[in-house]
Amino acid sequence: MTTKSKLTIISILTYCAFIIFALFTDVLSPAKIGITWTIFWYIAAAGIIYYLWFKNLIFQRVMYFSKALGLTQTDLAKMLPNLKPSQVVPDPSKPAILAPVFTFPLQGLDILNAKLTPMAKEKGIKPFR
């Protein structure tokens, strides 16, 4: 099973768990908060789940290419312009199941992905699955 499939299944199950929780606890009941807010929170939860799915997918791709190219955390940090002191670049040598949510932005992952994908293609590394 590919990483994309695994992350998709996890995301769908997480959203289903959110819906089941909301239905059985009446937290988002239209009678309590109104139909507008109920719809808003269901859509917001779907958006958050999609964002996390996408960020984790890009993160896994970046870590895959980093490991295959033998890059270190400092090598990745050198590839990023305008790195803030609060941003911690992920370390390819340490196993990470999920992307860092608060310490590293999606924009940084996109920059690394754009730089690592052509490098991996040049070296003949298999595409990320």
N, C-alpha and C. Protein backbone atom coordinates (compact mmCIF):
# COMPACT_ATOMS: atom_id res chain seq x y z
N MET A 1 0.85 -1.17 0.00
CA MET A 1 0.00 0.00 0.00
C MET A 1 0.90 1.24 0.00
N THR A 2 0.56 2.20 -0.82
CA THR A 2 1.38 3.41 -0.92
C THR A 2 1.13 4.31 0.28
N THR A 3 2.06 5.23 0.49
CA THR A 3 1.94 6.18 1.59
C THR A 3 0.71 7.06 1.40
N LYS A 4 0.44 7.44 0.16
CA LYS A 4 -0.72 8.28 -0.13
C LYS A 4 -2.01 7.56 0.25
N SER A 5 -2.09 6.27 -0.04
CA SER A 5 -3.28 5.49 0.32
C SER A 5 -3.44 5.39 1.83
N LYS A 6 -2.33 5.13 2.52
CA LYS A 6 -2.37 5.04 3.98
C LYS A 6 -2.85 6.35 4.61
N LEU A 7 -2.27 7.46 4.14
CA LEU A 7 -2.66 8.75 4.69
C LEU A 7 -4.11 9.09 4.36
N THR A 8 -4.56 8.70 3.18
CA THR A 8 -5.95 8.94 2.80
C THR A 8 -6.90 8.16 3.70
N ILE A 9 -6.59 6.91 3.95
CA ILE A 9 -7.44 6.08 4.82
C ILE A 9 -7.45 6.65 6.24
N ILE A 10 -6.29 7.03 6.74
CA ILE A 10 -6.22 7.62 8.09
C ILE A 10 -7.03 8.90 8.16
N SER A 11 -6.95 9.74 7.13
CA SER A 11 -7.69 11.00 7.12
C SER A 11 -9.20 10.76 7.08
N ILE A 12 -9.63 9.83 6.26
CA ILE A 12 -11.07 9.53 6.17
C ILE A 12 -11.57 8.98 7.49
N LEU A 13 -10.81 8.09 8.09
CA LEU A 13 -11.22 7.52 9.38
C LEU A 13 -11.25 8.58 10.48
N THR A 14 -10.31 9.51 10.43
CA THR A 14 -10.30 10.60 11.41
C THR A 14 -11.52 11.49 11.25
N TYR A 15 -11.87 11.81 10.01
CA TYR A 15 -13.05 12.64 9.78
C TYR A 15 -14.32 11.90 10.19
N CYS A 16 -14.39 10.60 9.90
CA CYS A 16 -15.55 9.81 10.32
C CYS A 16 -15.65 9.77 11.85
N ALA A 17 -14.51 9.66 12.53
CA ALA A 17 -14.51 9.67 14.00
C ALA A 17 -15.02 11.02 14.52
N PHE A 18 -14.61 12.10 13.84
CA PHE A 18 -15.10 13.43 14.22
C PHE A 18 -16.62 13.52 14.06
N ILE A 19 -17.12 13.02 12.95
CA ILE A 19 -18.56 13.07 12.70
C ILE A 19 -19.32 12.24 13.73
N ILE A 20 -18.82 11.04 13.99
CA ILE A 20 -19.48 10.18 14.98
C ILE A 20 -19.46 10.83 16.35
N PHE A 21 -18.32 11.41 16.72
CA PHE A 21 -18.23 12.12 18.00
C PHE A 21 -19.22 13.27 18.06
N ALA A 22 -19.29 14.05 16.98
CA ALA A 22 -20.20 15.20 16.96
C ALA A 22 -21.66 14.77 17.01
N LEU A 23 -22.00 13.67 16.34
CA LEU A 23 -23.39 13.22 16.33
C LEU A 23 -23.82 12.64 17.68
N PHE A 24 -22.96 11.85 18.29
CA PHE A 24 -23.35 11.17 19.52
C PHE A 24 -23.23 12.05 20.76
N THR A 25 -22.43 13.09 20.71
CA THR A 25 -22.32 13.97 21.87
C THR A 25 -23.16 15.23 21.72
N ASP A 26 -23.75 15.44 20.56
CA ASP A 26 -24.56 16.63 20.27
C ASP A 26 -23.79 17.94 20.49
N VAL A 27 -22.47 17.89 20.33
CA VAL A 27 -21.66 19.09 20.47
C VAL A 27 -21.98 20.08 19.37
N LEU A 28 -22.20 19.58 18.17
CA LEU A 28 -22.48 20.45 17.03
C LEU A 28 -23.94 20.37 16.60
N SER A 29 -24.78 20.15 17.54
CA SER A 29 -26.21 20.06 17.26
C SER A 29 -26.76 21.40 16.76
N PRO A 30 -27.49 21.39 15.65
CA PRO A 30 -28.08 22.64 15.15
C PRO A 30 -29.02 23.28 16.17
N ALA A 31 -29.63 22.49 17.02
CA ALA A 31 -30.52 23.04 18.04
C ALA A 31 -29.74 23.86 19.07
N LYS A 32 -28.48 23.51 19.29
CA LYS A 32 -27.67 24.22 20.29
C LYS A 32 -26.93 25.42 19.70
N ILE A 33 -26.30 25.21 18.54
CA ILE A 33 -25.45 26.28 18.00
C ILE A 33 -25.97 26.87 16.69
N GLY A 34 -27.00 26.33 16.15
CA GLY A 34 -27.55 26.84 14.89
C GLY A 34 -26.99 26.07 13.69
N ILE A 35 -27.77 26.03 12.65
CA ILE A 35 -27.40 25.26 11.47
C ILE A 35 -26.17 25.85 10.77
N THR A 36 -26.04 27.17 10.78
CA THR A 36 -24.92 27.82 10.12
C THR A 36 -23.60 27.41 10.76
N TRP A 37 -23.54 27.45 12.09
CA TRP A 37 -22.31 27.07 12.79
C TRP A 37 -22.06 25.57 12.70
N THR A 38 -23.10 24.79 12.66
CA THR A 38 -22.93 23.34 12.51
C THR A 38 -22.27 23.03 11.17
N ILE A 39 -22.79 23.62 10.10
CA ILE A 39 -22.22 23.42 8.77
C ILE A 39 -20.79 23.93 8.72
N PHE A 40 -20.57 25.10 9.32
CA PHE A 40 -19.22 25.68 9.34
C PHE A 40 -18.22 24.72 9.97
N TRP A 41 -18.55 24.14 11.12
CA TRP A 41 -17.59 23.27 11.82
C TRP A 41 -17.36 21.95 11.08
N TYR A 42 -18.37 21.43 10.40
CA TYR A 42 -18.15 20.23 9.60
C TYR A 42 -17.22 20.52 8.42
N ILE A 43 -17.40 21.67 7.78
CA ILE A 43 -16.54 22.05 6.66
C ILE A 43 -15.14 22.41 7.16
N ALA A 44 -15.05 23.11 8.29
CA ALA A 44 -13.74 23.46 8.86
C ALA A 44 -12.96 22.21 9.23
N ALA A 45 -13.62 21.23 9.82
CA ALA A 45 -12.94 19.98 10.18
C ALA A 45 -12.44 19.27 8.94
N ALA A 46 -13.23 19.27 7.88
CA ALA A 46 -12.80 18.64 6.63
C ALA A 46 -11.58 19.37 6.06
N GLY A 47 -11.58 20.68 6.14
CA GLY A 47 -10.45 21.47 5.66
C GLY A 47 -9.18 21.21 6.46
N ILE A 48 -9.32 21.10 7.76
CA ILE A 48 -8.16 20.82 8.62
C ILE A 48 -7.61 19.43 8.32
N ILE A 49 -8.49 18.47 8.17
CA ILE A 49 -8.07 17.10 7.85
C ILE A 49 -7.35 17.07 6.49
N TYR A 50 -7.88 17.79 5.52
CA TYR A 50 -7.24 17.84 4.20
C TYR A 50 -5.86 18.49 4.29
N TYR A 51 -5.75 19.58 5.02
CA TYR A 51 -4.46 20.26 5.20
C TYR A 51 -3.44 19.32 5.82
N LEU A 52 -3.83 18.62 6.86
CA LEU A 52 -2.92 17.70 7.54
C LEU A 52 -2.55 16.53 6.62
N TRP A 53 -3.48 16.03 5.82
CA TRP A 53 -3.20 14.96 4.86
C TRP A 53 -2.14 15.43 3.86
N PHE A 54 -2.35 16.62 3.31
CA PHE A 54 -1.44 17.16 2.31
C PHE A 54 -0.06 17.42 2.91
N LYS A 55 -0.02 18.01 4.10
CA LYS A 55 1.26 18.31 4.75
C LYS A 55 2.02 17.02 5.06
N ASN A 56 1.33 16.01 5.55
CA ASN A 56 1.98 14.74 5.84
C ASN A 56 2.49 14.05 4.58
N LEU A 57 1.76 14.17 3.50
CA LEU A 57 2.19 13.56 2.24
C LEU A 57 3.47 14.22 1.73
N ILE A 58 3.52 15.54 1.74
CA ILE A 58 4.71 16.27 1.30
C ILE A 58 5.87 15.98 2.26
N PHE A 59 5.58 15.93 3.55
CA PHE A 59 6.61 15.63 4.55
C PHE A 59 7.24 14.26 4.30
N GLN A 60 6.41 13.26 4.07
CA GLN A 60 6.91 11.91 3.83
C GLN A 60 7.76 11.87 2.55
N ARG A 61 7.35 12.61 1.52
CA ARG A 61 8.10 12.67 0.27
C ARG A 61 9.47 13.32 0.50
N VAL A 62 9.48 14.43 1.23
CA VAL A 62 10.74 15.13 1.52
C VAL A 62 11.67 14.23 2.33
N MET A 63 11.15 13.54 3.32
CA MET A 63 11.98 12.66 4.15
C MET A 63 12.51 11.48 3.33
N TYR A 64 11.69 10.96 2.44
CA TYR A 64 12.10 9.85 1.57
C TYR A 64 13.28 10.27 0.69
N PHE A 65 13.13 11.40 0.01
CA PHE A 65 14.19 11.87 -0.87
C PHE A 65 15.43 12.28 -0.08
N SER A 66 15.25 12.87 1.10
CA SER A 66 16.39 13.27 1.93
C SER A 66 17.21 12.07 2.34
N LYS A 67 16.53 11.01 2.77
CA LYS A 67 17.24 9.79 3.17
C LYS A 67 17.93 9.15 1.97
N ALA A 68 17.25 9.11 0.84
CA ALA A 68 17.82 8.48 -0.35
C ALA A 68 19.03 9.26 -0.86
N LEU A 69 19.02 10.57 -0.71
CA LEU A 69 20.14 11.40 -1.15
C LEU A 69 21.22 11.53 -0.09
N GLY A 70 20.96 11.01 1.11
CA GLY A 70 21.94 11.07 2.19
C GLY A 70 22.10 12.45 2.79
N LEU A 71 21.04 13.25 2.78
CA LEU A 71 21.11 14.60 3.32
C LEU A 71 20.86 14.61 4.83
N THR A 72 21.42 15.60 5.48
CA THR A 72 21.23 15.76 6.92
C THR A 72 20.31 16.94 7.20
N GLN A 73 20.03 17.14 8.47
CA GLN A 73 19.18 18.24 8.88
C GLN A 73 19.81 19.58 8.50
N THR A 74 21.12 19.71 8.64
CA THR A 74 21.80 20.96 8.28
C THR A 74 21.80 21.18 6.77
N ASP A 75 21.89 20.10 6.00
CA ASP A 75 21.80 20.24 4.54
C ASP A 75 20.44 20.78 4.13
N LEU A 76 19.40 20.27 4.76
CA LEU A 76 18.05 20.75 4.45
C LEU A 76 17.88 22.20 4.88
N ALA A 77 18.44 22.56 6.02
CA ALA A 77 18.33 23.94 6.50
C ALA A 77 19.01 24.91 5.55
N LYS A 78 20.11 24.49 4.92
CA LYS A 78 20.82 25.36 3.97
C LYS A 78 20.00 25.60 2.70
N MET A 79 19.10 24.69 2.39
CA MET A 79 18.26 24.83 1.20
C MET A 79 17.10 25.81 1.39
N LEU A 80 16.85 26.21 2.63
CA LEU A 80 15.70 27.05 2.92
C LEU A 80 16.10 28.50 3.13
N PRO A 81 15.57 29.40 2.31
CA PRO A 81 15.83 30.83 2.54
C PRO A 81 14.91 31.34 3.66
N ASN A 82 15.39 32.31 4.37
CA ASN A 82 14.59 33.00 5.40
C ASN A 82 14.04 32.05 6.46
N LEU A 83 14.87 31.16 6.98
CA LEU A 83 14.45 30.24 8.03
C LEU A 83 14.39 31.00 9.35
N LYS A 84 13.25 30.96 10.00
CA LYS A 84 13.06 31.65 11.27
C LYS A 84 13.68 30.83 12.39
N PRO A 85 14.09 31.48 13.47
CA PRO A 85 14.69 30.75 14.59
C PRO A 85 13.73 29.75 15.25
N SER A 86 12.45 30.00 15.17
CA SER A 86 11.48 29.10 15.79
C SER A 86 11.18 27.87 14.94
N GLN A 87 11.62 27.88 13.69
CA GLN A 87 11.36 26.76 12.78
C GLN A 87 12.45 25.70 12.92
N VAL A 88 12.02 24.50 13.23
CA VAL A 88 12.95 23.39 13.37
C VAL A 88 12.84 22.52 12.13
N VAL A 89 13.93 22.43 11.39
CA VAL A 89 13.95 21.63 10.18
C VAL A 89 13.90 20.15 10.57
N PRO A 90 13.04 19.37 9.96
CA PRO A 90 12.95 17.94 10.29
C PRO A 90 14.27 17.22 10.01
N ASP A 91 14.57 16.23 10.84
CA ASP A 91 15.80 15.45 10.71
C ASP A 91 15.49 14.15 9.98
N PRO A 92 16.06 13.95 8.78
CA PRO A 92 15.79 12.73 8.03
C PRO A 92 16.29 11.45 8.72
N SER A 93 17.27 11.58 9.60
CA SER A 93 17.83 10.39 10.25
C SER A 93 16.94 9.87 11.38
N LYS A 94 16.03 10.69 11.86
CA LYS A 94 15.12 10.27 12.93
C LYS A 94 13.79 9.87 12.33
N PRO A 95 13.24 8.74 12.75
CA PRO A 95 11.93 8.35 12.22
C PRO A 95 10.83 9.29 12.72
N ALA A 96 9.99 9.72 11.80
CA ALA A 96 8.87 10.61 12.14
C ALA A 96 7.64 10.12 11.40
N ILE A 97 6.61 9.80 12.15
CA ILE A 97 5.38 9.30 11.55
C ILE A 97 4.55 10.44 10.97
N LEU A 98 4.49 11.54 11.71
CA LEU A 98 3.68 12.68 11.28
C LEU A 98 4.55 13.91 11.07
N ALA A 99 4.09 14.76 10.18
CA ALA A 99 4.78 16.02 9.92
C ALA A 99 4.67 16.93 11.14
N PRO A 100 5.71 17.74 11.39
CA PRO A 100 5.61 18.69 12.49
C PRO A 100 4.54 19.73 12.17
N VAL A 101 3.55 19.82 13.03
CA VAL A 101 2.41 20.69 12.75
C VAL A 101 2.73 22.15 13.03
N PHE A 102 3.37 22.43 14.16
CA PHE A 102 3.56 23.82 14.57
C PHE A 102 4.98 24.34 14.37
N THR A 103 5.97 23.46 14.31
CA THR A 103 7.36 23.93 14.28
C THR A 103 7.92 24.08 12.87
N PHE A 104 7.24 23.58 11.87
CA PHE A 104 7.74 23.71 10.50
C PHE A 104 6.56 23.89 9.55
N PRO A 105 6.56 24.97 8.75
CA PRO A 105 5.41 25.28 7.91
C PRO A 105 5.38 24.46 6.61
N LEU A 106 4.22 24.41 6.03
CA LEU A 106 4.03 23.73 4.75
C LEU A 106 4.85 24.40 3.65
N GLN A 107 5.01 25.71 3.73
CA GLN A 107 5.78 26.43 2.73
C GLN A 107 7.22 25.92 2.69
N GLY A 108 7.81 25.65 3.84
CA GLY A 108 9.17 25.11 3.89
C GLY A 108 9.24 23.73 3.26
N LEU A 109 8.22 22.91 3.53
CA LEU A 109 8.18 21.58 2.92
C LEU A 109 8.04 21.67 1.40
N ASP A 110 7.24 22.62 0.93
CA ASP A 110 7.08 22.81 -0.52
C ASP A 110 8.40 23.21 -1.18
N ILE A 111 9.15 24.08 -0.52
CA ILE A 111 10.45 24.51 -1.07
C ILE A 111 11.40 23.33 -1.13
N LEU A 112 11.46 22.56 -0.04
CA LEU A 112 12.33 21.38 -0.03
C LEU A 112 11.90 20.36 -1.08
N ASN A 113 10.60 20.14 -1.20
CA ASN A 113 10.08 19.20 -2.19
C ASN A 113 10.47 19.62 -3.60
N ALA A 114 10.35 20.92 -3.89
CA ALA A 114 10.69 21.42 -5.22
C ALA A 114 12.18 21.28 -5.52
N LYS A 115 13.03 21.34 -4.50
CA LYS A 115 14.47 21.21 -4.72
C LYS A 115 14.92 19.76 -4.73
N LEU A 116 14.30 18.92 -3.91
CA LEU A 116 14.75 17.53 -3.79
C LEU A 116 14.25 16.64 -4.92
N THR A 117 13.08 16.90 -5.44
CA THR A 117 12.52 16.05 -6.50
C THR A 117 13.41 16.01 -7.74
N PRO A 118 13.88 17.16 -8.26
CA PRO A 118 14.78 17.08 -9.42
C PRO A 118 16.13 16.43 -9.08
N MET A 119 16.62 16.68 -7.86
CA MET A 119 17.89 16.07 -7.45
C MET A 119 17.76 14.54 -7.44
N ALA A 120 16.64 14.06 -6.93
CA ALA A 120 16.42 12.61 -6.86
C ALA A 120 16.26 12.03 -8.26
N LYS A 121 15.62 12.78 -9.13
CA LYS A 121 15.43 12.30 -10.51
C LYS A 121 16.77 12.18 -11.23
N GLU A 122 17.66 13.15 -10.99
CA GLU A 122 18.99 13.12 -11.60
C GLU A 122 19.79 11.91 -11.13
N LYS A 123 19.64 11.55 -9.85
CA LYS A 123 20.41 10.45 -9.28
C LYS A 123 19.77 9.09 -9.55
N GLY A 124 18.60 9.09 -10.18
CA GLY A 124 17.93 7.84 -10.51
C GLY A 124 17.22 7.17 -9.33
N ILE A 125 16.82 7.96 -8.36
CA ILE A 125 16.10 7.43 -7.20
C ILE A 125 14.66 7.17 -7.61
N LYS A 126 14.13 6.06 -7.16
CA LYS A 126 12.75 5.70 -7.48
C LYS A 126 11.79 6.77 -6.98
N PRO A 127 10.71 7.04 -7.73
CA PRO A 127 9.72 8.02 -7.27
C PRO A 127 9.08 7.60 -5.95
N PHE A 128 8.67 8.60 -5.21
CA PHE A 128 8.00 8.35 -3.93
C PHE A 128 6.65 7.74 -4.17
N ARG A 129 6.31 6.71 -3.39
CA ARG A 129 5.01 6.07 -3.50
C ARG A 129 4.31 6.11 -2.18
